[in-house]
ModelCIF file with pLDDT and N, C-alpha, C, O atoms, coordinates in Angstrom:
data_MODEL
#
_entry.id   MODEL 
#
_entity.id                         1 
_entity.type                       polymer 
_entity.pdbx_number_of_molecules   1 
#
_entity_poly.entity_id                      1 
_entity_poly.type                           'polypeptide(L)' 
_entity_poly.nstd_linkage                   no 
_entity_poly.nstd_monomer                   no 
_entity_poly.pdbx_seq_one_letter_code       
;(UNK)(UNK)(UNK)(UNK)(UNK)(UNK)(UNK)(UNK)(UNK)(UNK)(UNK)(UNK)(UNK)(UNK)(UNK)(UNK)
(UNK)(UNK)(UNK)(UNK)(UNK)(UNK)(UNK)(UNK)(UNK)(UNK)(UNK)(UNK)(UNK)(UNK)(UNK)(UNK)
(UNK)(UNK)(UNK)(UNK)(UNK)(UNK)(UNK)(UNK)(UNK)(UNK)
;
_entity_poly.pdbx_seq_one_letter_code_can   XXXXXXXXXXXXXXXXXXXXXXXXXXXXXXXXXXXXXXXXXX 
_entity_poly.pdbx_strand_id                 A 
#
loop_
_entity_poly_seq.entity_id 
_entity_poly_seq.num 
_entity_poly_seq.mon_id 
_entity_poly_seq.hetero 
1 1  UNK n 
1 2  UNK n 
1 3  UNK n 
1 4  UNK n 
1 5  UNK n 
1 6  UNK n 
1 7  UNK n 
1 8  UNK n 
1 9  UNK n 
1 10 UNK n 
1 11 UNK n 
1 12 UNK n 
1 13 UNK n 
1 14 UNK n 
1 15 UNK n 
1 16 UNK n 
1 17 UNK n 
1 18 UNK n 
1 19 UNK n 
1 20 UNK n 
1 21 UNK n 
1 22 UNK n 
1 23 UNK n 
1 24 UNK n 
1 25 UNK n 
1 26 UNK n 
1 27 UNK n 
1 28 UNK n 
1 29 UNK n 
1 30 UNK n 
1 31 UNK n 
1 32 UNK n 
1 33 UNK n 
1 34 UNK n 
1 35 UNK n 
1 36 UNK n 
1 37 UNK n 
1 38 UNK n 
1 39 UNK n 
1 40 UNK n 
1 41 UNK n 
1 42 UNK n 
#
_struct_asym.id          A 
_struct_asym.entity_id   1 
#
loop_
_ma_qa_metric.id 
_ma_qa_metric.mode 
_ma_qa_metric.name 
_ma_qa_metric.software_group_id 
_ma_qa_metric.type 
1 global pLDDT . pLDDT 
2 local  pLDDT . pLDDT 
#
_ma_qa_metric_global.metric_id      1 
_ma_qa_metric_global.metric_value   96.36 
_ma_qa_metric_global.model_id       1 
_ma_qa_metric_global.ordinal_id     1 
#
loop_
_ma_qa_metric_local.label_asym_id 
_ma_qa_metric_local.label_comp_id 
_ma_qa_metric_local.label_seq_id 
_ma_qa_metric_local.metric_id 
_ma_qa_metric_local.metric_value 
_ma_qa_metric_local.model_id 
_ma_qa_metric_local.ordinal_id 
A UNK 1  2 98.00 1 1  
A UNK 2  2 98.00 1 2  
A UNK 3  2 98.00 1 3  
A UNK 4  2 98.00 1 4  
A UNK 5  2 98.00 1 5  
A UNK 6  2 98.00 1 6  
A UNK 7  2 98.00 1 7  
A UNK 8  2 98.00 1 8  
A UNK 9  2 98.00 1 9  
A UNK 10 2 98.00 1 10 
A UNK 11 2 98.00 1 11 
A UNK 12 2 98.00 1 12 
A UNK 13 2 98.00 1 13 
A UNK 14 2 97.00 1 14 
A UNK 15 2 95.00 1 15 
A UNK 16 2 92.00 1 16 
A UNK 17 2 92.00 1 17 
A UNK 18 2 92.00 1 18 
A UNK 19 2 90.00 1 19 
A UNK 20 2 88.00 1 20 
A UNK 21 2 91.00 1 21 
A UNK 22 2 93.00 1 22 
A UNK 23 2 97.00 1 23 
A UNK 24 2 98.00 1 24 
A UNK 25 2 98.00 1 25 
A UNK 26 2 98.00 1 26 
A UNK 27 2 98.00 1 27 
A UNK 28 2 98.00 1 28 
A UNK 29 2 98.00 1 29 
A UNK 30 2 96.00 1 30 
A UNK 31 2 92.00 1 31 
A UNK 32 2 95.00 1 32 
A UNK 33 2 97.00 1 33 
A UNK 34 2 97.00 1 34 
A UNK 35 2 98.00 1 35 
A UNK 36 2 98.00 1 36 
A UNK 37 2 98.00 1 37 
A UNK 38 2 98.00 1 38 
A UNK 39 2 98.00 1 39 
A UNK 40 2 98.00 1 40 
A UNK 41 2 97.00 1 41 
A UNK 42 2 96.00 1 42 
#
loop_
_atom_site.group_PDB 
_atom_site.id 
_atom_site.type_symbol 
_atom_site.label_atom_id 
_atom_site.label_alt_id 
_atom_site.label_comp_id 
_atom_site.label_asym_id 
_atom_site.label_entity_id 
_atom_site.label_seq_id 
_atom_site.pdbx_PDB_ins_code 
_atom_site.Cartn_x 
_atom_site.Cartn_y 
_atom_site.Cartn_z 
_atom_site.occupancy 
_atom_site.B_iso_or_equiv 
_atom_site.pdbx_formal_charge 
_atom_site.auth_seq_id 
_atom_site.auth_comp_id 
_atom_site.auth_asym_id 
_atom_site.auth_atom_id 
_atom_site.pdbx_PDB_model_num 
ATOM 1   N N  . UNK A 1 1  ? 59.574 148.568 114.727 1.00 98.00 ? 1  UNK A N  1 
ATOM 2   C CA . UNK A 1 1  ? 58.742 148.054 115.809 1.00 98.00 ? 1  UNK A CA 1 
ATOM 3   C C  . UNK A 1 1  ? 57.287 148.335 115.479 1.00 98.00 ? 1  UNK A C  1 
ATOM 4   O O  . UNK A 1 1  ? 56.927 149.458 115.126 1.00 98.00 ? 1  UNK A O  1 
ATOM 5   N N  . UNK A 1 2  ? 56.456 147.317 115.594 1.00 98.00 ? 2  UNK A N  1 
ATOM 6   C CA . UNK A 1 2  ? 55.035 147.466 115.294 1.00 98.00 ? 2  UNK A CA 1 
ATOM 7   C C  . UNK A 1 2  ? 54.237 146.611 116.263 1.00 98.00 ? 2  UNK A C  1 
ATOM 8   O O  . UNK A 1 2  ? 54.722 145.590 116.751 1.00 98.00 ? 2  UNK A O  1 
ATOM 9   N N  . UNK A 1 3  ? 53.014 147.034 116.535 1.00 98.00 ? 3  UNK A N  1 
ATOM 10  C CA . UNK A 1 3  ? 52.149 146.243 117.399 1.00 98.00 ? 3  UNK A CA 1 
ATOM 11  C C  . UNK A 1 3  ? 51.532 145.085 116.630 1.00 98.00 ? 3  UNK A C  1 
ATOM 12  O O  . UNK A 1 3  ? 51.386 145.138 115.409 1.00 98.00 ? 3  UNK A O  1 
ATOM 13  N N  . UNK A 1 4  ? 51.179 144.054 117.352 1.00 98.00 ? 4  UNK A N  1 
ATOM 14  C CA . UNK A 1 4  ? 50.508 142.913 116.739 1.00 98.00 ? 4  UNK A CA 1 
ATOM 15  C C  . UNK A 1 4  ? 49.267 143.389 115.985 1.00 98.00 ? 4  UNK A C  1 
ATOM 16  O O  . UNK A 1 4  ? 48.511 144.234 116.464 1.00 98.00 ? 4  UNK A O  1 
ATOM 17  N N  . UNK A 1 5  ? 49.082 142.822 114.797 1.00 98.00 ? 5  UNK A N  1 
ATOM 18  C CA . UNK A 1 5  ? 47.982 143.237 113.945 1.00 98.00 ? 5  UNK A CA 1 
ATOM 19  C C  . UNK A 1 5  ? 48.339 144.327 112.960 1.00 98.00 ? 5  UNK A C  1 
ATOM 20  O O  . UNK A 1 5  ? 47.573 144.623 112.042 1.00 98.00 ? 5  UNK A O  1 
ATOM 21  N N  . UNK A 1 6  ? 49.501 144.924 113.151 1.00 98.00 ? 6  UNK A N  1 
ATOM 22  C CA . UNK A 1 6  ? 49.940 146.003 112.287 1.00 98.00 ? 6  UNK A CA 1 
ATOM 23  C C  . UNK A 1 6  ? 50.597 145.520 111.014 1.00 98.00 ? 6  UNK A C  1 
ATOM 24  O O  . UNK A 1 6  ? 50.634 144.324 110.724 1.00 98.00 ? 6  UNK A O  1 
ATOM 25  N N  . UNK A 1 7  ? 51.120 146.484 110.253 1.00 98.00 ? 7  UNK A N  1 
ATOM 26  C CA . UNK A 1 7  ? 51.720 146.192 108.966 1.00 98.00 ? 7  UNK A CA 1 
ATOM 27  C C  . UNK A 1 7  ? 53.075 146.877 108.827 1.00 98.00 ? 7  UNK A C  1 
ATOM 28  O O  . UNK A 1 7  ? 53.327 147.917 109.435 1.00 98.00 ? 7  UNK A O  1 
ATOM 29  N N  . UNK A 1 8  ? 53.928 146.283 108.028 1.00 98.00 ? 8  UNK A N  1 
ATOM 30  C CA . UNK A 1 8  ? 55.206 146.872 107.632 1.00 98.00 ? 8  UNK A CA 1 
ATOM 31  C C  . UNK A 1 8  ? 55.469 146.474 106.192 1.00 98.00 ? 8  UNK A C  1 
ATOM 32  O O  . UNK A 1 8  ? 54.992 145.440 105.725 1.00 98.00 ? 8  UNK A O  1 
ATOM 33  N N  . UNK A 1 9  ? 56.231 147.303 105.492 1.00 98.00 ? 9  UNK A N  1 
ATOM 34  C CA . UNK A 1 9  ? 56.706 146.938 104.162 1.00 98.00 ? 9  UNK A CA 1 
ATOM 35  C C  . UNK A 1 9  ? 58.222 147.022 104.134 1.00 98.00 ? 9  UNK A C  1 
ATOM 36  O O  . UNK A 1 9  ? 58.813 148.068 104.402 1.00 98.00 ? 9  UNK A O  1 
ATOM 37  N N  . UNK A 1 10 ? 58.829 145.905 103.805 1.00 98.00 ? 10 UNK A N  1 
ATOM 38  C CA . UNK A 1 10 ? 60.279 145.849 103.645 1.00 98.00 ? 10 UNK A CA 1 
ATOM 39  C C  . UNK A 1 10 ? 60.645 146.057 102.182 1.00 98.00 ? 10 UNK A C  1 
ATOM 40  O O  . UNK A 1 10 ? 59.918 145.648 101.277 1.00 98.00 ? 10 UNK A O  1 
ATOM 41  N N  . UNK A 1 11 ? 61.781 146.698 101.972 1.00 98.00 ? 11 UNK A N  1 
ATOM 42  C CA . UNK A 1 11 ? 62.307 146.910 100.628 1.00 98.00 ? 11 UNK A CA 1 
ATOM 43  C C  . UNK A 1 11 ? 63.711 146.328 100.537 1.00 98.00 ? 11 UNK A C  1 
ATOM 44  O O  . UNK A 1 11 ? 64.450 146.306 101.521 1.00 98.00 ? 11 UNK A O  1 
ATOM 45  N N  . UNK A 1 12 ? 64.063 145.864 99.366  1.00 98.00 ? 12 UNK A N  1 
ATOM 46  C CA . UNK A 1 12 ? 65.413 145.353 99.114  1.00 98.00 ? 12 UNK A CA 1 
ATOM 47  C C  . UNK A 1 12 ? 65.861 145.893 97.766  1.00 98.00 ? 12 UNK A C  1 
ATOM 48  O O  . UNK A 1 12 ? 65.341 145.505 96.721  1.00 98.00 ? 12 UNK A O  1 
ATOM 49  N N  . UNK A 1 13 ? 66.830 146.790 97.808  1.00 98.00 ? 13 UNK A N  1 
ATOM 50  C CA . UNK A 1 13 ? 67.360 147.383 96.588  1.00 98.00 ? 13 UNK A CA 1 
ATOM 51  C C  . UNK A 1 13 ? 68.595 146.621 96.135  1.00 98.00 ? 13 UNK A C  1 
ATOM 52  O O  . UNK A 1 13 ? 69.513 146.387 96.921  1.00 98.00 ? 13 UNK A O  1 
ATOM 53  N N  . UNK A 1 14 ? 68.615 146.237 94.874  1.00 97.00 ? 14 UNK A N  1 
ATOM 54  C CA . UNK A 1 14 ? 69.739 145.495 94.309  1.00 97.00 ? 14 UNK A CA 1 
ATOM 55  C C  . UNK A 1 14 ? 70.669 146.446 93.550  1.00 97.00 ? 14 UNK A C  1 
ATOM 56  O O  . UNK A 1 14 ? 70.259 147.505 93.075  1.00 97.00 ? 14 UNK A O  1 
ATOM 57  N N  . UNK A 1 15 ? 71.933 146.032 93.455  1.00 95.00 ? 15 UNK A N  1 
ATOM 58  C CA . UNK A 1 15 ? 72.950 146.868 92.811  1.00 95.00 ? 15 UNK A CA 1 
ATOM 59  C C  . UNK A 1 15 ? 72.951 146.736 91.295  1.00 95.00 ? 15 UNK A C  1 
ATOM 60  O O  . UNK A 1 15 ? 73.683 147.450 90.610  1.00 95.00 ? 15 UNK A O  1 
ATOM 61  N N  . UNK A 1 16 ? 72.129 145.820 90.760  1.00 92.00 ? 16 UNK A N  1 
ATOM 62  C CA . UNK A 1 16 ? 72.067 145.610 89.326  1.00 92.00 ? 16 UNK A CA 1 
ATOM 63  C C  . UNK A 1 16 ? 70.629 145.297 88.936  1.00 92.00 ? 16 UNK A C  1 
ATOM 64  O O  . UNK A 1 16 ? 69.763 145.162 89.800  1.00 92.00 ? 16 UNK A O  1 
ATOM 65  N N  . UNK A 1 17 ? 70.383 145.186 87.677  1.00 92.00 ? 17 UNK A N  1 
ATOM 66  C CA . UNK A 1 17 ? 69.043 144.852 87.217  1.00 92.00 ? 17 UNK A CA 1 
ATOM 67  C C  . UNK A 1 17 ? 68.596 143.514 87.779  1.00 92.00 ? 17 UNK A C  1 
ATOM 68  O O  . UNK A 1 17 ? 69.363 142.551 87.790  1.00 92.00 ? 17 UNK A O  1 
ATOM 69  N N  . UNK A 1 18 ? 67.356 143.454 88.247  1.00 92.00 ? 18 UNK A N  1 
ATOM 70  C CA . UNK A 1 18 ? 66.821 142.210 88.802  1.00 92.00 ? 18 UNK A CA 1 
ATOM 71  C C  . UNK A 1 18 ? 66.016 141.440 87.770  1.00 92.00 ? 18 UNK A C  1 
ATOM 72  O O  . UNK A 1 18 ? 65.458 140.385 88.069  1.00 92.00 ? 18 UNK A O  1 
ATOM 73  N N  . UNK A 1 19 ? 65.958 141.969 86.556  1.00 90.00 ? 19 UNK A N  1 
ATOM 74  C CA . UNK A 1 19 ? 65.091 141.375 85.522  1.00 90.00 ? 19 UNK A CA 1 
ATOM 75  C C  . UNK A 1 19 ? 65.395 139.901 85.308  1.00 90.00 ? 19 UNK A C  1 
ATOM 76  O O  . UNK A 1 19 ? 64.483 139.090 85.148  1.00 90.00 ? 19 UNK A O  1 
ATOM 77  N N  . UNK A 1 20 ? 66.680 139.557 85.305  1.00 88.00 ? 20 UNK A N  1 
ATOM 78  C CA . UNK A 1 20 ? 67.046 138.180 84.964  1.00 88.00 ? 20 UNK A CA 1 
ATOM 79  C C  . UNK A 1 20 ? 67.566 137.385 86.153  1.00 88.00 ? 20 UNK A C  1 
ATOM 80  O O  . UNK A 1 20 ? 68.014 136.250 85.986  1.00 88.00 ? 20 UNK A O  1 
ATOM 81  N N  . UNK A 1 21 ? 67.514 137.955 87.337  1.00 91.00 ? 21 UNK A N  1 
ATOM 82  C CA . UNK A 1 21 ? 67.991 137.207 88.507  1.00 91.00 ? 21 UNK A CA 1 
ATOM 83  C C  . UNK A 1 21 ? 67.076 136.013 88.720  1.00 91.00 ? 21 UNK A C  1 
ATOM 84  O O  . UNK A 1 21 ? 65.855 136.159 88.765  1.00 91.00 ? 21 UNK A O  1 
ATOM 85  N N  . UNK A 1 22 ? 67.662 134.846 88.849  1.00 93.00 ? 22 UNK A N  1 
ATOM 86  C CA . UNK A 1 22 ? 66.915 133.597 88.866  1.00 93.00 ? 22 UNK A CA 1 
ATOM 87  C C  . UNK A 1 22 ? 65.824 133.593 89.942  1.00 93.00 ? 22 UNK A C  1 
ATOM 88  O O  . UNK A 1 22 ? 64.650 133.367 89.647  1.00 93.00 ? 22 UNK A O  1 
ATOM 89  N N  . UNK A 1 23 ? 66.220 133.843 91.172  1.00 97.00 ? 23 UNK A N  1 
ATOM 90  C CA . UNK A 1 23 ? 65.282 133.871 92.292  1.00 97.00 ? 23 UNK A CA 1 
ATOM 91  C C  . UNK A 1 23 ? 65.710 134.967 93.257  1.00 97.00 ? 23 UNK A C  1 
ATOM 92  O O  . UNK A 1 23 ? 66.897 135.122 93.544  1.00 97.00 ? 23 UNK A O  1 
ATOM 93  N N  . UNK A 1 24 ? 64.746 135.720 93.753  1.00 98.00 ? 24 UNK A N  1 
ATOM 94  C CA . UNK A 1 24 ? 64.993 136.645 94.857  1.00 98.00 ? 24 UNK A CA 1 
ATOM 95  C C  . UNK A 1 24 ? 63.972 136.357 95.939  1.00 98.00 ? 24 UNK A C  1 
ATOM 96  O O  . UNK A 1 24 ? 62.881 135.855 95.671  1.00 98.00 ? 24 UNK A O  1 
ATOM 97  N N  . UNK A 1 25 ? 64.342 136.682 97.157  1.00 98.00 ? 25 UNK A N  1 
ATOM 98  C CA . UNK A 1 25 ? 63.397 136.373 98.207  1.00 98.00 ? 25 UNK A CA 1 
ATOM 99  C C  . UNK A 1 25 ? 63.757 136.964 99.548  1.00 98.00 ? 25 UNK A C  1 
ATOM 100 O O  . UNK A 1 25 ? 64.725 137.710 99.693  1.00 98.00 ? 25 UNK A O  1 
ATOM 101 N N  . UNK A 1 26 ? 62.948 136.606 100.516 1.00 98.00 ? 26 UNK A N  1 
ATOM 102 C CA . UNK A 1 26 ? 63.120 137.053 101.890 1.00 98.00 ? 26 UNK A CA 1 
ATOM 103 C C  . UNK A 1 26 ? 63.213 135.838 102.808 1.00 98.00 ? 26 UNK A C  1 
ATOM 104 O O  . UNK A 1 26 ? 62.456 134.876 102.679 1.00 98.00 ? 26 UNK A O  1 
ATOM 105 N N  . UNK A 1 27 ? 64.158 135.910 103.732 1.00 98.00 ? 27 UNK A N  1 
ATOM 106 C CA . UNK A 1 27 ? 64.332 134.922 104.771 1.00 98.00 ? 27 UNK A CA 1 
ATOM 107 C C  . UNK A 1 27 ? 64.307 135.653 106.102 1.00 98.00 ? 27 UNK A C  1 
ATOM 108 O O  . UNK A 1 27 ? 64.479 136.870 106.153 1.00 98.00 ? 27 UNK A O  1 
ATOM 109 N N  . UNK A 1 28 ? 64.093 134.908 107.180 1.00 98.00 ? 28 UNK A N  1 
ATOM 110 C CA . UNK A 1 28 ? 64.129 135.527 108.503 1.00 98.00 ? 28 UNK A CA 1 
ATOM 111 C C  . UNK A 1 28 ? 64.788 134.599 109.502 1.00 98.00 ? 28 UNK A C  1 
ATOM 112 O O  . UNK A 1 28 ? 64.761 133.375 109.374 1.00 98.00 ? 28 UNK A O  1 
ATOM 113 N N  . UNK A 1 29 ? 65.384 135.233 110.507 1.00 98.00 ? 29 UNK A N  1 
ATOM 114 C CA . UNK A 1 29 ? 66.071 134.478 111.558 1.00 98.00 ? 29 UNK A CA 1 
ATOM 115 C C  . UNK A 1 29 ? 65.746 135.089 112.906 1.00 98.00 ? 29 UNK A C  1 
ATOM 116 O O  . UNK A 1 29 ? 66.094 136.236 113.189 1.00 98.00 ? 29 UNK A O  1 
ATOM 117 N N  . UNK A 1 30 ? 65.073 134.305 113.731 1.00 96.00 ? 30 UNK A N  1 
ATOM 118 C CA . UNK A 1 30 ? 64.767 134.720 115.095 1.00 96.00 ? 30 UNK A CA 1 
ATOM 119 C C  . UNK A 1 30 ? 65.927 134.322 116.003 1.00 96.00 ? 30 UNK A C  1 
ATOM 120 O O  . UNK A 1 30 ? 66.693 133.425 115.652 1.00 96.00 ? 30 UNK A O  1 
ATOM 121 N N  . UNK A 1 31 ? 66.075 134.965 117.158 1.00 92.00 ? 31 UNK A N  1 
ATOM 122 C CA . UNK A 1 31 ? 67.183 134.638 118.064 1.00 92.00 ? 31 UNK A CA 1 
ATOM 123 C C  . UNK A 1 31 ? 67.204 133.157 118.427 1.00 92.00 ? 31 UNK A C  1 
ATOM 124 O O  . UNK A 1 31 ? 66.189 132.593 118.836 1.00 92.00 ? 31 UNK A O  1 
ATOM 125 N N  . UNK A 1 32 ? 68.359 132.538 118.274 1.00 95.00 ? 32 UNK A N  1 
ATOM 126 C CA . UNK A 1 32 ? 68.518 131.145 118.629 1.00 95.00 ? 32 UNK A CA 1 
ATOM 127 C C  . UNK A 1 32 ? 67.922 130.151 117.652 1.00 95.00 ? 32 UNK A C  1 
ATOM 128 O O  . UNK A 1 32 ? 67.901 128.950 117.921 1.00 95.00 ? 32 UNK A O  1 
ATOM 129 N N  . UNK A 1 33 ? 67.436 130.643 116.516 1.00 97.00 ? 33 UNK A N  1 
ATOM 130 C CA . UNK A 1 33 ? 66.808 129.751 115.536 1.00 97.00 ? 33 UNK A CA 1 
ATOM 131 C C  . UNK A 1 33 ? 67.534 129.842 114.204 1.00 97.00 ? 33 UNK A C  1 
ATOM 132 O O  . UNK A 1 33 ? 68.341 130.745 113.984 1.00 97.00 ? 33 UNK A O  1 
ATOM 133 N N  . UNK A 1 34 ? 67.243 128.909 113.329 1.00 97.00 ? 34 UNK A N  1 
ATOM 134 C CA . UNK A 1 34 ? 67.857 128.907 112.005 1.00 97.00 ? 34 UNK A CA 1 
ATOM 135 C C  . UNK A 1 34 ? 67.175 129.933 111.105 1.00 97.00 ? 34 UNK A C  1 
ATOM 136 O O  . UNK A 1 34 ? 66.076 130.409 111.389 1.00 97.00 ? 34 UNK A O  1 
ATOM 137 N N  . UNK A 1 35 ? 67.854 130.253 110.026 1.00 98.00 ? 35 UNK A N  1 
ATOM 138 C CA . UNK A 1 35 ? 67.299 131.182 109.050 1.00 98.00 ? 35 UNK A CA 1 
ATOM 139 C C  . UNK A 1 35 ? 66.310 130.420 108.167 1.00 98.00 ? 35 UNK A C  1 
ATOM 140 O O  . UNK A 1 35 ? 66.650 129.393 107.579 1.00 98.00 ? 35 UNK A O  1 
ATOM 141 N N  . UNK A 1 36 ? 65.102 130.927 108.082 1.00 98.00 ? 36 UNK A N  1 
ATOM 142 C CA . UNK A 1 36 ? 64.035 130.239 107.360 1.00 98.00 ? 36 UNK A CA 1 
ATOM 143 C C  . UNK A 1 36 ? 63.524 131.075 106.191 1.00 98.00 ? 36 UNK A C  1 
ATOM 144 O O  . UNK A 1 36 ? 63.540 132.305 106.226 1.00 98.00 ? 36 UNK A O  1 
ATOM 145 N N  . UNK A 1 37 ? 63.074 130.375 105.164 1.00 98.00 ? 37 UNK A N  1 
ATOM 146 C CA . UNK A 1 37 ? 62.481 131.041 104.015 1.00 98.00 ? 37 UNK A CA 1 
ATOM 147 C C  . UNK A 1 37 ? 61.150 131.674 104.396 1.00 98.00 ? 37 UNK A C  1 
ATOM 148 O O  . UNK A 1 37 ? 60.350 131.084 105.123 1.00 98.00 ? 37 UNK A O  1 
ATOM 149 N N  . UNK A 1 38 ? 60.924 132.891 103.889 1.00 98.00 ? 38 UNK A N  1 
ATOM 150 C CA . UNK A 1 38 ? 59.635 133.552 104.080 1.00 98.00 ? 38 UNK A CA 1 
ATOM 151 C C  . UNK A 1 38 ? 58.868 133.571 102.757 1.00 98.00 ? 38 UNK A C  1 
ATOM 152 O O  . UNK A 1 38 ? 57.717 133.138 102.689 1.00 98.00 ? 38 UNK A O  1 
ATOM 153 N N  . UNK A 1 39 ? 59.518 134.077 101.709 1.00 98.00 ? 39 UNK A N  1 
ATOM 154 C CA . UNK A 1 39 ? 58.859 134.175 100.409 1.00 98.00 ? 39 UNK A CA 1 
ATOM 155 C C  . UNK A 1 39 ? 59.913 134.341 99.326  1.00 98.00 ? 39 UNK A C  1 
ATOM 156 O O  . UNK A 1 39 ? 60.977 134.912 99.561  1.00 98.00 ? 39 UNK A O  1 
ATOM 157 N N  . UNK A 1 40 ? 59.606 133.836 98.139  1.00 98.00 ? 40 UNK A N  1 
ATOM 158 C CA . UNK A 1 40 ? 60.492 134.007 96.990  1.00 98.00 ? 40 UNK A CA 1 
ATOM 159 C C  . UNK A 1 40 ? 59.692 134.437 95.768  1.00 98.00 ? 40 UNK A C  1 
ATOM 160 O O  . UNK A 1 40 ? 58.486 134.211 95.673  1.00 98.00 ? 40 UNK A O  1 
ATOM 161 N N  . UNK A 1 41 ? 60.409 135.068 94.833  1.00 97.00 ? 41 UNK A N  1 
ATOM 162 C CA . UNK A 1 41 ? 59.833 135.430 93.550  1.00 97.00 ? 41 UNK A CA 1 
ATOM 163 C C  . UNK A 1 41 ? 60.865 135.092 92.480  1.00 97.00 ? 41 UNK A C  1 
ATOM 164 O O  . UNK A 1 41 ? 62.020 135.509 92.559  1.00 97.00 ? 41 UNK A O  1 
ATOM 165 N N  . UNK A 1 42 ? 60.437 134.341 91.495  1.00 96.00 ? 42 UNK A N  1 
ATOM 166 C CA . UNK A 1 42 ? 61.340 133.892 90.449  1.00 96.00 ? 42 UNK A CA 1 
ATOM 167 C C  . UNK A 1 42 ? 61.366 134.894 89.295  1.00 96.00 ? 42 UNK A C  1 
ATOM 168 O O  . UNK A 1 42 ? 62.077 134.685 88.312  1.00 96.00 ? 42 UNK A O  1 
#
């Protein structure tokens, strides 16, 4: 929980090396809405 204007850092730990994983990224889903892309890194 954070106030508007604030910052957070999310982390995602993988079970294997990510060096060669084609694409990794973040998606988000708000209540009653579809899951949307936020950001990706190839």
